[in-house]
């Protein structure tokens, strides 16, 4: 059994297109904040939230799209495990920013297919 927070339950109750847009916004925020090394705590919070939101969204997608979201979640987990050493590296923060922007674009493409 999952111990979801009220916010996570509310997220799960949103329409799929709304959940996808929320994920895209999270990733855009990560992309922006990762360009500056002083936002580590804020980005880590978005990483944690996005991992859960990806799981709560993937269950309503086709297999291929759900697989893509699972791959995003895996990368977020890799960063999360070694967060402070990852965050300390300029090249890692650039990777976080670049991938987050790519993911936001991809998730928005998925959302457009639904409309």
Protein backbone atom coordinates (compact mmCIF):
# COMPACT_ATOMS: atom_id res chain seq x y z
CA UNK A 1 0.00 0.00 0.00
CA UNK A 2 1.22 3.47 -0.88
CA UNK A 3 1.32 6.19 1.74
CA UNK A 4 0.40 9.09 -0.52
CA UNK A 5 0.09 12.62 0.79
CA UNK A 6 -3.05 14.70 0.29
CA UNK A 7 -1.24 16.62 -2.46
CA UNK A 8 -0.28 13.39 -4.24
CA UNK A 9 -3.86 12.08 -4.03
CA UNK A 10 -5.15 15.37 -5.43
CA UNK A 11 -2.58 15.16 -8.24
CA UNK A 12 -3.73 11.61 -9.04
CA UNK A 13 -7.33 12.81 -9.28
CA UNK A 14 -6.46 15.45 -11.89
CA UNK A 15 -7.07 14.76 -15.57
CA UNK A 16 -4.12 13.12 -17.32
CA UNK A 17 -3.42 16.22 -19.42
CA UNK A 18 -3.24 18.34 -16.25
CA UNK A 19 -0.82 15.89 -14.62
CA UNK A 20 1.39 15.88 -17.70
CA UNK A 21 1.46 19.68 -17.76
CA UNK A 22 2.36 19.76 -14.05
CA UNK A 23 5.28 17.40 -14.74
CA UNK A 24 6.40 19.54 -17.67
CA UNK A 25 6.31 22.61 -15.41
CA UNK A 26 8.35 20.79 -12.76
CA UNK A 27 10.97 19.89 -15.34
CA UNK A 28 11.09 23.43 -16.73
CA UNK A 29 11.60 24.75 -13.23
CA UNK A 30 14.38 22.20 -12.65
CA UNK A 31 16.02 23.22 -15.91
CA UNK A 32 16.01 26.87 -14.93
CA UNK A 33 17.10 26.44 -11.31
CA UNK A 34 19.88 24.01 -12.21
CA UNK A 35 21.78 26.72 -14.05
CA UNK A 36 22.59 28.33 -10.71
CA UNK A 37 24.43 26.29 -8.08
CA UNK A 38 22.64 27.89 -5.11
CA UNK A 39 19.26 26.17 -5.64
CA UNK A 40 20.19 22.62 -4.66
CA UNK A 41 17.51 22.19 -1.98
CA UNK A 42 14.78 23.56 -4.25
CA UNK A 43 15.74 21.30 -7.15
CA UNK A 44 16.02 18.30 -4.84
CA UNK A 45 12.44 18.95 -3.69
CA UNK A 46 11.29 19.02 -7.31
CA UNK A 47 13.19 15.78 -7.98
CA UNK A 48 11.43 14.07 -5.08
CA UNK A 49 8.01 15.35 -6.09
CA UNK A 50 8.52 14.50 -9.77
CA UNK A 51 9.52 10.92 -9.01
CA UNK A 52 6.15 10.36 -7.35
CA UNK A 53 4.21 12.32 -9.96
CA UNK A 54 5.80 10.28 -12.75
CA UNK A 55 4.59 7.10 -11.07
CA UNK A 56 1.09 8.51 -10.56
CA UNK A 57 0.92 9.51 -14.23
CA UNK A 58 2.51 6.51 -15.93
CA UNK A 59 -0.22 4.16 -14.73
CA UNK A 60 -2.69 5.89 -17.07
CA UNK A 61 -0.51 5.92 -20.19
CA UNK A 62 0.12 3.41 -22.95
CA UNK A 63 3.04 1.06 -22.40
CA UNK A 64 5.55 2.98 -24.53
CA UNK A 65 4.80 6.33 -22.88
CA UNK A 66 4.82 4.76 -19.43
CA UNK A 67 8.23 3.28 -20.22
CA UNK A 68 9.53 6.73 -21.14
CA UNK A 69 8.30 8.14 -17.85
CA UNK A 70 9.89 5.22 -15.99
CA UNK A 71 13.22 6.05 -17.65
CA UNK A 72 12.89 9.64 -16.47
CA UNK A 73 12.11 8.41 -12.98
CA UNK A 74 15.18 6.16 -13.01
CA UNK A 75 17.44 9.08 -13.90
CA UNK A 76 15.88 11.23 -11.19
CA UNK A 77 16.54 8.40 -8.72
CA UNK A 78 20.19 8.21 -9.80
CA UNK A 79 20.60 11.92 -9.17
CA UNK A 80 18.69 11.70 -5.90
CA UNK A 81 20.89 8.94 -4.49
CA UNK A 82 24.06 11.00 -4.99
CA UNK A 83 22.41 14.41 -4.86
CA UNK A 84 25.02 16.62 -3.22
CA UNK A 85 27.96 15.25 -5.18
CA UNK A 86 25.92 15.53 -8.37
CA UNK A 87 24.84 19.07 -7.54
CA UNK A 88 28.42 20.13 -6.76
CA UNK A 89 29.48 19.44 -10.35
CA UNK A 90 28.91 22.16 -12.96
CA UNK A 91 28.70 19.55 -15.72
CA UNK A 92 26.13 17.51 -13.76
CA UNK A 93 23.98 20.58 -13.16
CA UNK A 94 24.15 21.34 -16.87
CA UNK A 95 23.07 17.75 -17.58
CA UNK A 96 20.16 18.12 -15.15
CA UNK A 97 19.13 21.33 -16.86
CA UNK A 98 19.43 19.94 -20.38
CA UNK A 99 17.63 16.67 -19.66
CA UNK A 100 14.90 18.44 -17.71
CA UNK A 101 14.22 20.73 -20.66
CA UNK A 102 14.14 17.73 -23.02
CA UNK A 103 11.76 15.87 -20.72
CA UNK A 104 9.45 18.88 -20.43
CA UNK A 105 9.24 19.08 -24.22
CA UNK A 106 8.59 15.35 -24.54
CA UNK A 107 5.89 15.36 -21.88
CA UNK A 108 4.18 18.27 -23.60
CA UNK A 109 4.22 16.25 -26.84
CA UNK A 110 2.51 13.39 -24.99
CA UNK A 111 -0.11 15.79 -23.65
CA UNK A 112 -0.84 17.18 -27.13
CA UNK A 113 -1.66 13.67 -28.37
CA UNK A 114 -4.36 13.45 -25.69
CA UNK A 115 -6.15 16.63 -26.75
